Amino acid sequence: MEEHAVTMDGESCQSTPHLVLVPFFAPGHMIPMVDIARLLAERGVLVSFITTPVNATRTRTAIERSQALGLPIRFVELPFPCAELGLPEGCESVDLVPSLDTGNKFFNGLSILREPLAAYLRQQCRPSCIISDMCHPWTQGLANEFGVPRLAFHATCCFSVLCHRNIRQYKVTDGFADEMESFVVPGLPHRVEITKDQVPFFEGSDLERYRNELIEADETSDGVVFDSFYELETLYIDSYQKATGKKAWAVGPVCFYNNLDVEDRAARGDKAAVDSRFYLSWLDSRKPGSVILISFGSLSHTPPSQIIEIGMGLEASGNPFILVIKANDQSQELEDWLLQGGFEERTKERSLVIRGWAPQLAILSHPAVGGFVSHCGWNSVLEAISVGVPMITWPLFADHFLIERLVVEVLRVGISIEVKRQVKWMVSGQFRKLVKREEVEAAVRALMDGGVEGQERRERARLLAETARRAAEVGGSSHENLTSLIRDVSLLRASVNDKGPEAT
């Protein structure tokens, strides 16, 4: 076990809250959890941030900067025995999982971290609380063992969590023969329709036990933490708290932690595949609000045929653009089209193709960016909301379709590409419907040159960004919620019965 410790000079950890953060190992979950750790540490809270060797390498910049600032964060590397779990060596994050069968082993094997984490905590001052990603249901038993509260971190919006909970509680889809049959999500402040196919789920009977453990651990948690802000989801946060009887702390957008440092923003998640001076110079040469960014997150697998259609639609639109092609999506077929096919040459005056990890927040934050084609992962959507960039929504799986409803129908800062069915997660190149270049072109034109409707959409996005920034500032709702969370931890701990031995 390796520990990158930041000490608290002259302070006793017994008089200081000690929060243990257990992130899920996927970029969209790790990134906000790192930011939350740093925000807590800025308030003087001792944080133990649990990771594994591969994930620690990805967050190396965050570790180094935290150490340089003297923040009281202990980045604790627990061994992740891939071979023992039947996983390829180094398969320590969901985006590194090569197949659905391997994914089942990954999810079901996460609880192997419980014993090494318990051993670590027994050697430290007793934790005050565990903040665990909801994808780690085994941490509930750990919290019981140490007699401390467990808060569940949801790497999505409260709207999505409330919708999914209500669909499950009311058993709305039971007996549906047609997966494309639509229904109204019950228990919401207003009408939201979705189909059975678009409801988040885990595929395969191998994950049934894991799915049931998720639900049970979520129901028994002592509260929930969201990377969101109250003004964005007032009705849904209030409804969730009323329905569950639990407190929900909205402490975001936590990406604002990095907003004063370009290099810090660029390093969120992994090492960028392009030098910051290069893409910033390219963006500096563009008109404000003229560039559209296309990025589908870290977990999707987009076939070359779909990327080609996207590229041709972008070319036809006439807009400057940045096209991100993840490492998993790179292929000889795609390179032949980009180079021998002449796409990069034809569009070189107004395009930038990034092969690999893109510094998404740093790009979205630039004034030249005026639109974002997103898969509707919450981390990506909240980053766009935080900087006032309207979106084209292209949901793929999991909670993406629910988040699309929030963006398009509730907040009205996006337009839909009209994808209707989920793709199968971890099935390479599996898209149920190819979105044609003409559809891409039409959506880009509607977002970027949308007349009066487009101007109103951009104004709504701008106002949301202002509200997000105020929420994160001192005295804002998220700043106050973080203060409340730290204070409430001691109250929650007092109310939790000891179920295990004291940590030494």
Protein backbone atom coordinates (compact mmCIF):
# COMPACT_ATOMS: atom_id res chain seq x y z
CA MET A 1 0.00 0.00 0.00
CA GLU A 2 1.41 3.35 -1.03
CA GLU A 3 0.38 6.63 0.55
CA HIS A 4 1.04 10.11 -0.80
CA ALA A 5 0.44 11.87 2.52
CA VAL A 6 0.00 15.57 3.17
CA THR A 7 0.40 16.17 6.89
CA MET A 8 -1.34 18.64 9.18
CA ASP A 9 1.47 20.50 10.88
CA GLY A 10 0.90 20.90 14.59
CA GLU A 11 -2.70 19.72 14.52
CA SER A 12 -4.22 16.67 16.12
CA CYS A 13 -6.36 14.60 13.81
CA GLN A 14 -8.53 13.72 16.81
CA SER A 15 -9.85 17.30 16.86
CA THR A 16 -10.11 17.54 13.07
CA PRO A 17 -12.78 15.90 10.89
CA HIS A 18 -11.34 12.98 8.93
CA LEU A 19 -13.32 12.19 5.78
CA VAL A 20 -12.58 9.11 3.71
CA LEU A 21 -13.43 9.55 0.02
CA VAL A 22 -13.89 6.40 -2.06
CA PRO A 23 -14.37 7.33 -5.74
CA PHE A 24 -15.57 4.97 -8.42
CA PHE A 25 -12.83 4.22 -10.92
CA ALA A 26 -14.04 5.98 -14.05
CA PRO A 27 -12.92 9.43 -15.25
CA GLY A 28 -16.37 11.03 -14.93
CA HIS A 29 -16.53 9.88 -11.30
CA MET A 30 -12.89 10.39 -10.31
CA ILE A 31 -12.59 13.96 -11.62
CA PRO A 32 -15.27 15.58 -9.44
CA MET A 33 -14.28 13.47 -6.43
CA VAL A 34 -10.71 14.80 -6.62
CA ASP A 35 -12.10 18.34 -6.71
CA ILE A 36 -14.32 17.63 -3.70
CA ALA A 37 -11.30 16.29 -1.79
CA ARG A 38 -9.41 19.49 -2.46
CA LEU A 39 -12.37 21.69 -1.52
CA LEU A 40 -12.75 19.85 1.79
CA ALA A 41 -9.02 20.03 2.47
CA GLU A 42 -9.07 23.77 1.86
CA ARG A 43 -11.46 23.99 4.82
CA GLY A 44 -8.97 22.17 7.04
CA VAL A 45 -10.62 18.74 6.82
CA LEU A 46 -8.25 15.76 6.80
CA VAL A 47 -9.06 13.71 3.70
CA SER A 48 -8.05 10.17 2.87
CA PHE A 49 -8.60 9.77 -0.87
CA ILE A 50 -8.70 6.10 -1.88
CA THR A 51 -7.28 5.11 -5.24
CA THR A 52 -5.29 2.38 -7.01
CA PRO A 53 -1.90 2.51 -8.77
CA VAL A 54 -3.24 3.14 -12.29
CA ASN A 55 -5.77 5.71 -11.11
CA ALA A 56 -3.15 7.43 -8.96
CA THR A 57 -0.99 7.84 -12.06
CA ARG A 58 -3.89 9.53 -13.81
CA THR A 59 -4.36 11.96 -10.94
CA ARG A 60 -0.64 12.56 -10.50
CA THR A 61 -0.94 16.29 -11.26
CA ALA A 62 -3.68 16.70 -8.64
CA ILE A 63 -1.55 14.84 -6.11
CA GLU A 64 1.51 16.97 -6.82
CA ARG A 65 -0.40 20.25 -6.68
CA SER A 66 -2.12 19.27 -3.43
CA GLN A 67 1.25 18.46 -1.92
CA ALA A 68 2.71 21.75 -3.15
CA LEU A 69 -0.15 23.64 -1.49
CA GLY A 70 0.21 21.67 1.73
CA LEU A 71 -3.40 20.51 1.64
CA PRO A 72 -4.22 17.81 4.21
CA ILE A 73 -5.03 15.07 1.68
CA ARG A 74 -3.69 11.53 1.89
CA PHE A 75 -3.85 9.87 -1.52
CA VAL A 76 -3.92 6.21 -0.55
CA GLU A 77 -3.07 3.62 -3.22
CA LEU A 78 -4.69 0.26 -2.52
CA PRO A 79 -3.56 -2.74 -4.55
CA PHE A 80 -6.10 -3.87 -7.14
CA PRO A 81 -5.37 -7.55 -7.88
CA CYS A 82 -6.47 -7.73 -11.51
CA ALA A 83 -5.21 -11.29 -12.07
CA GLU A 84 -7.10 -12.55 -9.01
CA LEU A 85 -10.31 -11.05 -10.44
CA GLY A 86 -9.73 -12.44 -13.91
CA LEU A 87 -8.96 -8.98 -15.35
CA PRO A 88 -6.14 -7.92 -17.68
CA GLU A 89 -3.21 -6.36 -15.87
CA GLY A 90 -3.78 -2.64 -15.26
CA CYS A 91 -7.56 -2.88 -15.78
CA GLU A 92 -8.32 -0.57 -12.85
CA SER A 93 -10.82 1.82 -14.46
CA VAL A 94 -14.02 1.28 -16.39
CA ASP A 95 -12.68 2.99 -19.50
CA LEU A 96 -9.91 0.36 -19.59
CA VAL A 97 -12.37 -2.55 -19.52
CA PRO A 98 -12.21 -4.29 -22.92
CA SER A 99 -15.52 -6.21 -22.96
CA LEU A 100 -18.88 -6.65 -21.26
CA ASP A 101 -17.80 -9.96 -19.72
CA THR A 102 -14.71 -8.29 -18.27
CA GLY A 103 -16.91 -5.45 -17.07
CA ASN A 104 -19.01 -7.87 -15.04
CA LYS A 105 -15.87 -9.14 -13.33
CA PHE A 106 -14.74 -5.57 -12.68
CA PHE A 107 -17.98 -4.46 -11.01
CA ASN A 108 -18.42 -7.63 -8.99
CA GLY A 109 -14.77 -7.52 -7.90
CA LEU A 110 -14.72 -3.99 -6.48
CA SER A 111 -15.51 -5.23 -2.97
CA ILE A 112 -12.05 -6.79 -2.85
CA LEU A 113 -10.87 -3.34 -1.72
CA ARG A 114 -12.76 -3.55 1.57
CA GLU A 115 -10.16 -5.44 3.60
CA PRO A 116 -7.10 -3.41 2.56
CA LEU A 117 -9.06 -0.19 3.16
CA ALA A 118 -10.18 -1.42 6.60
CA ALA A 119 -6.57 -2.31 7.42
CA TYR A 120 -5.45 1.19 6.41
CA LEU A 121 -8.15 2.90 8.48
CA ARG A 122 -7.29 0.86 11.58
CA GLN A 123 -3.81 2.39 11.43
CA GLN A 124 -5.11 5.98 11.15
CA CYS A 125 -7.11 8.23 13.39
CA ARG A 126 -10.70 7.06 13.26
CA PRO A 127 -12.66 8.42 10.27
CA SER A 128 -15.51 10.83 10.91
CA CYS A 129 -17.39 9.81 7.79
CA ILE A 130 -17.07 7.85 4.54
CA ILE A 131 -18.14 9.59 1.34
CA SER A 132 -18.44 6.78 -1.15
CA ASP A 133 -19.41 6.73 -4.78
CA MET A 134 -22.74 4.95 -5.01
CA CYS A 135 -21.03 2.34 -7.23
CA HIS A 136 -19.22 1.03 -4.12
CA PRO A 137 -22.05 -0.55 -2.10
CA TRP A 138 -19.53 -2.53 -0.01
CA THR A 139 -18.52 0.68 1.77
CA GLN A 140 -21.79 0.55 3.73
CA GLY A 141 -20.53 -2.51 5.61
CA LEU A 142 -17.22 -0.74 6.19
CA ALA A 143 -19.00 2.28 7.66
CA ASN A 144 -20.99 -0.02 9.94
CA GLU A 145 -17.78 -1.69 11.09
CA PHE A 146 -16.24 1.63 12.11
CA GLY A 147 -19.49 3.05 13.46
CA VAL A 148 -19.44 6.10 11.19
CA PRO A 149 -21.94 7.59 8.73
CA ARG A 150 -21.72 6.86 5.01
CA LEU A 151 -22.74 9.47 2.47
CA ALA A 152 -23.36 8.37 -1.11
CA PHE A 153 -21.83 10.44 -3.88
CA HIS A 154 -23.82 10.41 -7.11
CA ALA A 155 -21.81 11.38 -10.17
CA THR A 156 -24.99 12.55 -11.85
CA CYS A 157 -27.69 15.15 -11.28
CA CYS A 158 -30.42 14.91 -8.66
CA PHE A 159 -33.01 15.02 -11.46
CA SER A 160 -31.68 11.74 -12.87
CA VAL A 161 -31.47 10.04 -9.45
CA LEU A 162 -35.02 11.11 -8.55
CA CYS A 163 -36.40 9.94 -11.91
CA HIS A 164 -34.69 6.57 -11.66
CA ARG A 165 -35.81 6.11 -8.05
CA ASN A 166 -39.42 6.93 -8.88
CA ILE A 167 -39.46 4.62 -11.90
CA ARG A 168 -38.16 1.82 -9.70
CA GLN A 169 -40.44 2.56 -6.74
CA TYR A 170 -43.60 2.80 -8.84
CA LYS A 171 -42.58 -0.19 -11.03
CA VAL A 172 -43.69 1.79 -14.05
CA THR A 173 -42.13 -0.42 -16.71
CA ASP A 174 -43.31 -3.77 -15.32
CA GLY A 175 -45.15 -5.66 -18.03
CA PHE A 176 -43.98 -3.42 -20.88
CA ALA A 177 -43.70 -5.61 -23.98
CA ASP A 178 -42.42 -2.81 -26.22
CA GLU A 179 -39.11 -1.25 -25.14
CA MET A 180 -39.93 1.86 -27.16
CA GLU A 181 -43.24 2.45 -25.34
CA SER A 182 -43.09 5.80 -23.61
CA PHE A 183 -44.39 6.67 -20.16
CA VAL A 184 -44.54 9.66 -17.85
CA VAL A 185 -42.03 9.56 -14.99
CA PRO A 186 -44.13 9.61 -11.80
CA GLY A 187 -43.67 11.88 -8.82
CA LEU A 188 -42.04 14.82 -10.60
CA PRO A 189 -43.04 18.49 -10.36
CA HIS A 190 -43.81 18.48 -14.10
CA ARG A 191 -44.29 16.12 -17.04
CA VAL A 192 -41.27 14.17 -18.26
CA GLU A 193 -41.64 11.31 -20.75
CA ILE A 194 -39.15 8.55 -21.46
CA THR A 195 -39.18 5.06 -22.95
CA LYS A 196 -38.35 1.79 -21.24
CA ASP A 197 -35.28 1.43 -23.47
CA GLN A 198 -33.93 4.76 -22.20
CA VAL A 199 -34.14 3.88 -18.50
CA PRO A 200 -30.71 3.35 -16.86
CA PHE A 201 -29.91 -0.30 -16.22
CA PHE A 202 -27.09 -2.80 -15.84
CA GLU A 203 -27.00 -5.41 -18.57
CA GLY A 204 -26.68 -9.11 -17.86
CA SER A 205 -27.77 -11.45 -15.09
CA ASP A 206 -24.18 -11.54 -13.84
CA LEU A 207 -24.69 -8.05 -12.41
CA GLU A 208 -28.04 -8.70 -10.74
CA ARG A 209 -26.48 -9.15 -7.30
CA TYR A 210 -24.36 -6.03 -7.74
CA ARG A 211 -27.42 -4.04 -8.89
CA ASN A 212 -29.40 -5.11 -5.82
CA GLU A 213 -26.50 -4.19 -3.55
CA LEU A 214 -26.38 -0.72 -5.13
CA ILE A 215 -30.04 -0.11 -4.42
CA GLU A 216 -29.80 -1.36 -0.81
CA ALA A 217 -26.68 0.67 -0.04
CA ASP A 218 -28.22 3.79 -1.54
CA GLU A 219 -31.39 3.37 0.53
CA THR A 220 -29.41 2.84 3.76
CA SER A 221 -26.93 5.69 3.27
CA ASP A 222 -27.04 8.62 5.69
CA GLY A 223 -27.33 11.25 2.96
CA VAL A 224 -26.23 12.06 -0.56
CA VAL A 225 -23.72 14.40 -2.15
CA PHE A 226 -24.20 15.85 -5.64
CA ASP A 227 -21.88 17.78 -7.91
CA SER A 228 -24.66 20.21 -8.74
CA PHE A 229 -26.03 23.46 -7.34
CA TYR A 230 -29.33 24.10 -5.64
CA GLU A 231 -30.54 26.81 -8.00
CA LEU A 232 -30.16 24.43 -10.94
CA GLU A 233 -32.28 21.66 -9.44
CA THR A 234 -34.34 23.26 -6.70
CA LEU A 235 -37.55 21.30 -7.36
CA TYR A 236 -35.75 17.97 -7.68
CA ILE A 237 -33.50 18.34 -4.66
CA ASP A 238 -36.48 19.32 -2.54
CA SER A 239 -38.54 16.43 -3.95
CA TYR A 240 -35.71 13.95 -3.38
CA GLN A 241 -35.24 15.02 0.24
CA LYS A 242 -38.97 14.81 0.88
CA ALA A 243 -39.28 11.37 -0.76
CA THR A 244 -36.27 9.82 0.99
CA GLY A 245 -36.14 11.71 4.28
CA LYS A 246 -32.42 12.24 3.65
CA LYS A 247 -30.40 15.38 3.27
CA ALA A 248 -28.87 16.09 -0.13
CA TRP A 249 -25.83 18.36 -0.24
CA ALA A 250 -25.35 20.03 -3.63
CA VAL A 251 -21.77 21.32 -3.53
CA GLY A 252 -20.99 22.04 -7.19
CA PRO A 253 -19.97 22.87 -9.74
CA VAL A 254 -16.76 21.58 -8.18
CA CYS A 255 -14.91 22.23 -11.46
CA PHE A 256 -14.72 25.87 -10.37
CA TYR A 257 -11.96 24.79 -7.98
CA ASN A 258 -9.63 24.84 -10.99
CA ASN A 259 -10.96 27.88 -12.81
CA LEU A 260 -8.08 30.17 -11.89
CA ASP A 261 -5.37 27.87 -13.23
CA VAL A 262 -5.26 26.93 -16.93
CA GLU A 263 -2.77 24.13 -16.38
CA ASP A 264 -4.86 22.69 -13.55
CA ARG A 265 -7.99 22.71 -15.70
CA ALA A 266 -6.09 21.07 -18.55
CA ALA A 267 -4.83 18.27 -16.30
CA ARG A 268 -8.22 17.20 -14.91
CA GLY A 269 -8.63 13.46 -15.38
CA ASP A 270 -5.52 12.48 -17.33
CA LYS A 271 -2.58 13.83 -19.26
CA ALA A 272 -3.83 15.82 -22.26
CA ALA A 273 -2.96 14.55 -25.72
CA VAL A 274 -2.29 18.08 -26.98
CA ASP A 275 -0.08 20.86 -25.61
CA SER A 276 -2.06 23.64 -23.95
CA ARG A 277 -0.14 26.36 -25.78
CA PHE A 278 -1.12 24.84 -29.12
CA TYR A 279 -4.87 24.53 -28.61
CA LEU A 280 -5.10 27.84 -26.73
CA SER A 281 -3.31 29.59 -29.58
CA TRP A 282 -5.68 27.92 -32.06
CA LEU A 283 -8.71 29.03 -30.03
CA ASP A 284 -7.32 32.55 -29.61
CA SER A 285 -7.40 32.93 -33.40
CA ARG A 286 -11.16 32.25 -33.58
CA LYS A 287 -14.10 34.60 -33.14
CA PRO A 288 -15.94 34.50 -29.81
CA GLY A 289 -18.62 31.82 -29.71
CA SER A 290 -17.76 30.41 -33.14
CA VAL A 291 -16.21 27.02 -32.31
CA ILE A 292 -18.12 23.82 -31.57
CA LEU A 293 -16.54 21.01 -29.53
CA ILE A 294 -17.43 17.37 -30.17
CA SER A 295 -16.51 14.90 -27.42
CA PHE A 296 -18.30 11.72 -26.31
CA GLY A 297 -16.71 11.09 -22.93
CA SER A 298 -14.43 8.29 -21.83
CA LEU A 299 -16.68 5.20 -21.81
CA SER A 300 -18.38 5.15 -25.20
CA HIS A 301 -17.13 3.29 -28.27
CA THR A 302 -17.97 5.19 -31.45
CA PRO A 303 -17.51 3.24 -34.72
CA PRO A 304 -15.44 4.80 -37.52
CA SER A 305 -18.54 5.04 -39.73
CA GLN A 306 -20.25 7.29 -37.18
CA ILE A 307 -17.20 9.48 -36.63
CA ILE A 308 -16.92 9.92 -40.41
CA GLU A 309 -20.56 11.01 -40.60
CA ILE A 310 -19.94 13.47 -37.75
CA GLY A 311 -16.88 14.84 -39.51
CA MET A 312 -18.66 15.27 -42.83
CA GLY A 313 -21.56 17.02 -41.11
CA LEU A 314 -19.17 19.37 -39.35
CA GLU A 315 -17.39 20.12 -42.61
CA ALA A 316 -20.69 20.91 -44.34
CA SER A 317 -21.82 23.18 -41.50
CA GLY A 318 -19.02 25.67 -42.18
CA ASN A 319 -18.30 26.17 -38.47
CA PRO A 320 -14.86 25.97 -36.86
CA PHE A 321 -14.72 22.83 -34.73
CA ILE A 322 -12.66 20.64 -32.41
CA LEU A 323 -13.22 16.92 -32.91
CA VAL A 324 -12.02 14.61 -30.13
CA ILE A 325 -11.24 10.99 -31.07
CA LYS A 326 -10.51 8.89 -27.99
CA ALA A 327 -7.74 6.31 -27.97
CA ASN A 328 -10.35 3.51 -27.94
CA ASP A 329 -11.94 4.88 -31.10
CA GLN A 330 -8.78 5.28 -33.15
CA SER A 331 -8.36 2.85 -36.05
CA GLN A 332 -6.58 2.50 -39.34
CA GLU A 333 -9.87 3.04 -41.18
CA LEU A 334 -10.34 6.34 -39.41
CA GLU A 335 -6.74 7.47 -39.98
CA ASP A 336 -7.07 6.66 -43.68
CA TRP A 337 -10.15 8.86 -43.88
CA LEU A 338 -8.55 11.68 -41.87
CA LEU A 339 -5.32 11.69 -43.86
CA GLN A 340 -5.52 9.86 -47.19
CA GLY A 341 -9.19 10.76 -47.49
CA GLY A 342 -8.24 14.39 -47.13
CA PHE A 343 -10.55 15.42 -44.29
CA GLU A 344 -7.89 17.13 -42.20
CA GLU A 345 -6.38 18.81 -45.24
CA ARG A 346 -9.74 20.13 -46.47
CA THR A 347 -10.75 21.50 -43.05
CA LYS A 348 -7.33 22.53 -41.71
CA GLU A 349 -8.17 26.24 -41.73
CA ARG A 350 -11.04 25.75 -39.28
CA SER A 351 -10.59 22.43 -37.51
CA LEU A 352 -8.55 20.80 -34.78
CA VAL A 353 -8.59 17.01 -34.41
CA ILE A 354 -7.44 15.77 -30.98
CA ARG A 355 -6.45 12.11 -30.83
CA GLY A 356 -6.60 10.93 -27.22
CA TRP A 357 -7.51 12.64 -23.94
CA ALA A 358 -8.81 16.18 -24.44
CA PRO A 359 -8.58 18.94 -21.80
CA GLN A 360 -12.32 19.42 -22.01
CA LEU A 361 -12.93 22.01 -19.29
CA ALA A 362 -10.03 24.15 -20.48
CA ILE A 363 -11.45 24.11 -24.02
CA LEU A 364 -15.05 24.77 -22.98
CA SER A 365 -13.88 27.68 -20.82
CA HIS A 366 -12.37 29.52 -23.80
CA PRO A 367 -14.50 32.42 -25.15
CA ALA A 368 -14.17 31.08 -28.70
CA VAL A 369 -16.26 28.00 -27.87
CA GLY A 370 -19.97 28.50 -28.52
CA GLY A 371 -21.34 24.97 -28.70
CA PHE A 372 -20.77 21.45 -27.44
CA VAL A 373 -21.88 18.10 -28.89
CA SER A 374 -22.10 15.92 -25.77
CA HIS A 375 -23.01 12.34 -24.88
CA CYS A 376 -24.80 13.79 -21.83
CA GLY A 377 -22.49 12.44 -19.17
CA TRP A 378 -23.13 14.63 -16.13
CA ASN A 379 -19.52 15.70 -15.67
CA SER A 380 -19.46 17.02 -19.25
CA VAL A 381 -22.90 18.61 -19.08
CA LEU A 382 -22.16 20.42 -15.81
CA GLU A 383 -18.88 21.73 -17.18
CA ALA A 384 -20.76 23.18 -20.17
CA ILE A 385 -23.47 24.66 -17.93
CA SER A 386 -20.82 26.17 -15.66
CA VAL A 387 -19.23 28.13 -18.52
CA GLY A 388 -22.43 28.98 -20.37
CA VAL A 389 -22.01 26.79 -23.47
CA PRO A 390 -25.24 25.43 -25.07
CA MET A 391 -25.31 21.82 -26.21
CA ILE A 392 -26.35 19.33 -28.84
CA THR A 393 -27.38 16.26 -26.86
CA TRP A 394 -26.39 12.80 -28.13
CA PRO A 395 -27.19 10.36 -25.28
CA LEU A 396 -25.71 6.86 -25.41
CA PHE A 397 -26.54 4.79 -22.31
CA ALA A 398 -26.99 4.78 -18.51
CA ASP A 399 -28.40 8.10 -17.21
CA HIS A 400 -27.69 10.00 -20.45
CA PHE A 401 -31.29 10.06 -21.69
CA LEU A 402 -32.59 11.41 -18.39
CA ILE A 403 -29.89 14.09 -18.37
CA GLU A 404 -30.88 14.97 -21.94
CA ARG A 405 -34.43 15.67 -20.72
CA LEU A 406 -33.03 18.04 -18.10
CA VAL A 407 -30.85 19.89 -20.62
CA VAL A 408 -33.36 20.12 -23.47
CA GLU A 409 -36.79 20.22 -21.82
CA VAL A 410 -36.24 21.65 -18.35
CA LEU A 411 -33.25 23.99 -18.65
CA ARG A 412 -33.73 24.56 -22.40
CA VAL A 413 -30.03 25.05 -23.10
CA GLY A 414 -29.68 22.26 -25.64
CA ILE A 415 -31.19 20.67 -28.72
CA SER A 416 -31.47 16.94 -29.29
CA ILE A 417 -29.83 15.05 -32.16
CA GLU A 418 -32.88 12.76 -31.79
CA VAL A 419 -31.13 9.54 -30.80
CA LYS A 420 -33.88 7.29 -29.44
CA ARG A 421 -32.23 4.06 -28.27
CA GLN A 422 -29.41 3.13 -25.92
CA VAL A 423 -26.22 1.65 -27.28
CA LYS A 424 -24.82 -1.39 -25.54
CA TRP A 425 -22.14 -0.35 -23.11
CA MET A 426 -18.72 -1.87 -23.72
CA VAL A 427 -19.75 -3.33 -27.09
CA SER A 428 -17.26 -1.84 -29.51
CA GLY A 429 -18.76 0.00 -32.44
CA GLN A 430 -22.35 -0.83 -31.54
CA PHE A 431 -24.67 2.02 -32.55
CA ARG A 432 -28.28 1.04 -33.19
CA LYS A 433 -28.83 3.89 -35.64
CA LEU A 434 -26.24 5.74 -37.65
CA VAL A 435 -26.83 9.49 -37.40
CA LYS A 436 -26.27 10.81 -40.90
CA ARG A 437 -24.08 13.76 -41.84
CA GLU A 438 -27.14 15.78 -42.90
CA GLU A 439 -28.61 15.40 -39.40
CA VAL A 440 -25.32 16.47 -37.81
CA GLU A 441 -25.06 19.50 -40.09
CA ALA A 442 -28.66 20.52 -39.36
CA ALA A 443 -28.15 20.24 -35.59
CA VAL A 444 -24.91 22.24 -35.67
CA ARG A 445 -26.51 24.99 -37.73
CA ALA A 446 -29.52 25.08 -35.40
CA LEU A 447 -27.31 25.41 -32.33
CA MET A 448 -24.76 27.86 -33.71
CA ASP A 449 -26.95 29.95 -36.06
CA GLY A 450 -30.34 29.39 -34.49
CA GLY A 451 -31.79 32.89 -34.96
CA VAL A 452 -33.97 34.28 -32.18
CA GLU A 453 -34.46 30.84 -30.60
CA GLY A 454 -30.70 30.27 -30.61
CA GLN A 455 -30.06 33.66 -29.03
CA GLU A 456 -32.55 32.90 -26.28
CA ARG A 457 -30.88 29.52 -25.70
CA ARG A 458 -27.47 31.16 -25.41
CA GLU A 459 -28.85 33.77 -23.01
CA ARG A 460 -30.33 31.04 -20.79
CA ALA A 461 -26.95 29.27 -20.82
CA ARG A 462 -25.18 32.50 -19.91
CA LEU A 463 -27.52 33.16 -16.97
CA LEU A 464 -27.08 29.60 -15.69
CA ALA A 465 -23.31 30.05 -15.77
CA GLU A 466 -23.59 33.22 -13.71
CA THR A 467 -25.79 31.42 -11.20
CA ALA A 468 -23.36 28.50 -11.05
CA ARG A 469 -20.46 30.83 -10.31
CA ARG A 470 -22.38 32.63 -7.57
CA ALA A 471 -23.32 29.28 -6.00
CA ALA A 472 -19.66 28.28 -5.76
CA GLU A 473 -18.49 31.63 -4.34
CA VAL A 474 -18.19 32.38 -0.64
CA GLY A 475 -21.71 32.80 0.68
CA GLY A 476 -23.25 30.98 -2.29
CA SER A 477 -25.51 27.95 -1.92
CA SER A 478 -22.84 25.34 -2.74
CA HIS A 479 -20.23 27.01 -0.55
CA GLU A 480 -22.72 27.02 2.31
CA ASN A 481 -23.72 23.42 1.62
CA LEU A 482 -20.09 22.33 1.90
CA THR A 483 -19.88 24.17 5.22
CA SER A 484 -23.08 22.42 6.29
CA LEU A 485 -21.76 19.02 5.20
CA ILE A 486 -18.62 19.39 7.32
CA ARG A 487 -20.71 20.50 10.33
CA ASP A 488 -23.37 17.83 9.82
CA VAL A 489 -20.82 15.01 9.73
CA SER A 490 -20.24 15.32 13.47
CA LEU A 491 -23.99 15.31 14.11
CA LEU A 492 -24.48 12.26 11.89
CA ARG A 493 -21.64 10.44 13.59
CA ALA A 494 -23.19 11.04 16.97
CA SER A 495 -26.43 9.46 15.76
CA VAL A 496 -24.81 6.34 14.29
CA ASN A 497 -24.61 3.39 16.64
CA ASP A 498 -21.21 1.76 16.96
CA LYS A 499 -21.37 -1.55 15.12
CA GLY A 500 -17.74 -2.46 15.23
CA PRO A 501 -14.53 -1.93 17.12
CA GLU A 502 -12.99 1.46 17.50
CA ALA A 503 -10.22 2.16 15.01
CA THR A 504 -6.93 2.53 16.71
